[in-house]
Amino acid sequence: MLRKAELKDKCAAIRKALDKQTKEKEAAANKKALEDFATFVKENPEAVAYVALVEADGNAKLLQAVAAAAKKADKAIYVFSKDEEAGKVAHVNYVTPALKAKGADARKWAEKVTDLISGKAGGKEDSAQGVGTELSKVEEALAAAREYIQGL
């Protein structure tokens, strides 16, 4: 029984260390993604939208945080993140009220991307998200996202 308890304690310690490492990695990725967005806005104040691939291992929550920052800054955004291990691409967008007035729709924007990377997407007029499966087509999806928003 004593051996079992020792192994259980060791396992718990390893799990705790792994969880801590994962949280630190996610926090660093979140910070970098938000900094990259802030830098873009600062350097390109007249830009219509921020379209980028974020290093977040497909973490949709992180993409949502960047989209929330874009909403606060009143900037349209489309961010993608690849999860190589799972073979998926998460994506999130946000359309400003000014672009909505010009005819932009987040669902249509996501549809343009989903047509390329497969998978599913859904949302509302001002924000949509989805997951695709064609990792090799992310660059094409980025180009399509830029093309859609610049075509307004």
Protein backbone atom coordinates (compact mmCIF):
# COMPACT_ATOMS: atom_id res chain seq x y z
CA MET A 1 0.00 0.00 0.00
CA LEU A 2 2.84 2.36 0.80
CA ARG A 3 4.36 1.88 -2.66
CA LYS A 4 1.02 2.62 -4.31
CA ALA A 5 0.68 5.87 -2.34
CA GLU A 6 4.22 6.91 -3.31
CA LEU A 7 3.52 6.27 -6.99
CA LYS A 8 0.26 8.19 -6.77
CA ASP A 9 2.08 11.16 -5.21
CA LYS A 10 4.80 11.07 -7.89
CA CYS A 11 2.18 10.91 -10.62
CA ALA A 12 0.31 13.88 -9.12
CA ALA A 13 3.53 15.90 -8.93
CA ILE A 14 4.37 15.15 -12.56
CA ARG A 15 0.84 16.04 -13.66
CA LYS A 16 1.00 19.31 -11.70
CA ALA A 17 4.34 20.22 -13.30
CA LEU A 18 3.01 19.40 -16.76
CA ASP A 19 -0.14 21.49 -16.19
CA LYS A 20 2.00 24.40 -15.01
CA GLN A 21 4.22 24.14 -18.09
CA THR A 22 1.17 24.02 -20.38
CA LYS A 23 -0.37 27.10 -18.73
CA GLU A 24 2.90 29.00 -19.03
CA LYS A 25 3.16 28.10 -22.71
CA GLU A 26 -0.44 29.23 -23.34
CA ALA A 27 0.13 32.48 -21.43
CA ALA A 28 3.26 33.22 -23.48
CA ALA A 29 1.42 32.48 -26.76
CA ASN A 30 -1.50 34.69 -25.67
CA LYS A 31 0.84 37.54 -24.76
CA LYS A 32 2.70 37.28 -28.07
CA ALA A 33 -0.52 37.16 -30.11
CA LEU A 34 -1.90 40.25 -28.35
CA GLU A 35 1.42 42.08 -28.73
CA ASP A 36 1.57 41.23 -32.45
CA PHE A 37 -1.96 42.59 -32.90
CA ALA A 38 -1.16 45.77 -30.93
CA THR A 39 2.01 46.30 -32.97
CA PHE A 40 0.09 45.86 -36.22
CA VAL A 41 -2.56 48.40 -35.17
CA LYS A 42 0.14 50.87 -34.09
CA GLU A 43 2.12 50.51 -37.32
CA ASN A 44 -0.94 50.35 -39.61
CA PRO A 45 -3.60 52.65 -38.13
CA GLU A 46 -5.44 52.92 -41.45
CA ALA A 47 -5.53 49.16 -42.12
CA VAL A 48 -8.99 47.74 -42.69
CA ALA A 49 -8.29 44.42 -40.98
CA TYR A 50 -5.70 42.30 -39.24
CA VAL A 51 -5.39 38.86 -40.88
CA ALA A 52 -2.77 36.56 -39.39
CA LEU A 53 -1.63 33.08 -38.47
CA VAL A 54 -1.12 32.87 -34.70
CA GLU A 55 1.15 30.32 -33.03
CA ALA A 56 -1.39 28.90 -30.57
CA ASP A 57 -1.58 25.19 -31.40
CA GLY A 58 -5.20 25.56 -32.48
CA ASN A 59 -6.29 27.16 -29.19
CA ALA A 60 -9.66 28.78 -29.99
CA LYS A 61 -9.80 30.56 -26.62
CA LEU A 62 -6.60 32.38 -27.44
CA LEU A 63 -7.99 33.37 -30.84
CA GLN A 64 -11.14 34.65 -29.11
CA ALA A 65 -8.97 36.79 -26.82
CA VAL A 66 -7.27 38.38 -29.82
CA ALA A 67 -10.68 38.96 -31.45
CA ALA A 68 -11.89 40.61 -28.24
CA ALA A 69 -8.88 42.95 -28.36
CA ALA A 70 -9.74 43.76 -31.98
CA LYS A 71 -13.33 44.52 -31.04
CA LYS A 72 -12.10 46.85 -28.30
CA ALA A 73 -9.77 48.56 -30.81
CA ASP A 74 -12.58 48.73 -33.41
CA LYS A 75 -10.55 46.74 -35.97
CA ALA A 76 -11.75 43.87 -38.12
CA ILE A 77 -9.78 40.70 -37.60
CA TYR A 78 -9.35 37.19 -38.93
CA VAL A 79 -6.92 34.98 -37.03
CA PHE A 80 -5.94 31.38 -37.66
CA SER A 81 -4.02 28.82 -35.63
CA LYS A 82 -2.78 25.41 -36.75
CA ASP A 83 -2.78 22.34 -34.51
CA GLU A 84 -0.37 20.08 -36.37
CA GLU A 85 -0.85 17.20 -33.93
CA ALA A 86 -4.63 17.09 -34.31
CA GLY A 87 -4.53 18.06 -38.00
CA LYS A 88 -6.88 21.01 -37.51
CA VAL A 89 -6.98 24.74 -38.12
CA ALA A 90 -8.97 26.95 -35.74
CA HIS A 91 -10.11 30.33 -37.04
CA VAL A 92 -11.98 33.31 -35.60
CA ASN A 93 -13.09 36.59 -37.14
CA TYR A 94 -14.73 39.86 -36.14
CA VAL A 95 -16.33 42.50 -38.37
CA THR A 96 -16.60 46.11 -37.19
CA PRO A 97 -19.92 47.97 -37.40
CA ALA A 98 -18.43 50.24 -40.11
CA LEU A 99 -17.60 47.21 -42.29
CA LYS A 100 -21.00 45.67 -41.59
CA ALA A 101 -22.52 48.87 -42.94
CA LYS A 102 -20.50 48.30 -46.14
CA GLY A 103 -21.93 44.80 -46.48
CA ALA A 104 -19.41 42.66 -44.63
CA ASP A 105 -20.75 39.60 -42.85
CA ALA A 106 -18.58 37.47 -40.56
CA ARG A 107 -20.42 34.30 -41.59
CA LYS A 108 -19.75 34.92 -45.29
CA TRP A 109 -16.14 35.79 -44.49
CA ALA A 110 -15.76 32.48 -42.63
CA GLU A 111 -17.46 30.65 -45.49
CA LYS A 112 -14.76 31.89 -47.92
CA VAL A 113 -12.12 30.43 -45.64
CA THR A 114 -13.98 27.21 -44.87
CA ASP A 115 -14.34 26.52 -48.58
CA LEU A 116 -10.54 26.26 -48.70
CA ILE A 117 -9.63 24.56 -45.44
CA SER A 118 -12.77 22.38 -45.17
CA GLY A 119 -14.41 21.80 -41.81
CA LYS A 120 -17.19 23.89 -40.28
CA ALA A 121 -17.79 27.50 -39.28
CA GLY A 122 -20.64 29.46 -37.79
CA GLY A 123 -21.50 32.58 -35.88
CA LYS A 124 -23.30 35.87 -36.19
CA GLU A 125 -23.07 38.83 -38.57
CA ASP A 126 -20.27 40.42 -36.56
CA SER A 127 -18.28 37.38 -35.44
CA ALA A 128 -17.73 33.80 -36.55
CA GLN A 129 -15.43 30.91 -35.75
CA GLY A 130 -14.68 27.49 -37.08
CA VAL A 131 -12.34 24.55 -37.44
CA GLY A 132 -10.86 23.26 -40.67
CA THR A 133 -8.91 20.16 -41.58
CA GLU A 134 -6.73 21.20 -44.52
CA LEU A 135 -3.52 22.41 -42.85
CA SER A 136 -1.74 22.72 -46.19
CA LYS A 137 -4.21 25.37 -47.38
CA VAL A 138 -3.81 27.88 -44.54
CA GLU A 139 -1.80 30.33 -46.66
CA GLU A 140 -4.54 30.26 -49.31
CA ALA A 141 -7.13 30.83 -46.58
CA LEU A 142 -5.18 33.84 -45.28
CA ALA A 143 -5.10 35.28 -48.81
CA ALA A 144 -8.83 34.64 -49.27
CA ALA A 145 -9.59 36.34 -45.95
CA ARG A 146 -7.59 39.41 -46.97
CA GLU A 147 -9.20 39.46 -50.41
CA TYR A 148 -12.75 39.32 -49.00
CA ILE A 149 -12.32 42.22 -46.59
CA GLN A 150 -10.34 44.40 -49.03
CA GLY A 151 -12.98 43.85 -51.70
CA LEU A 152 -15.55 45.85 -49.74
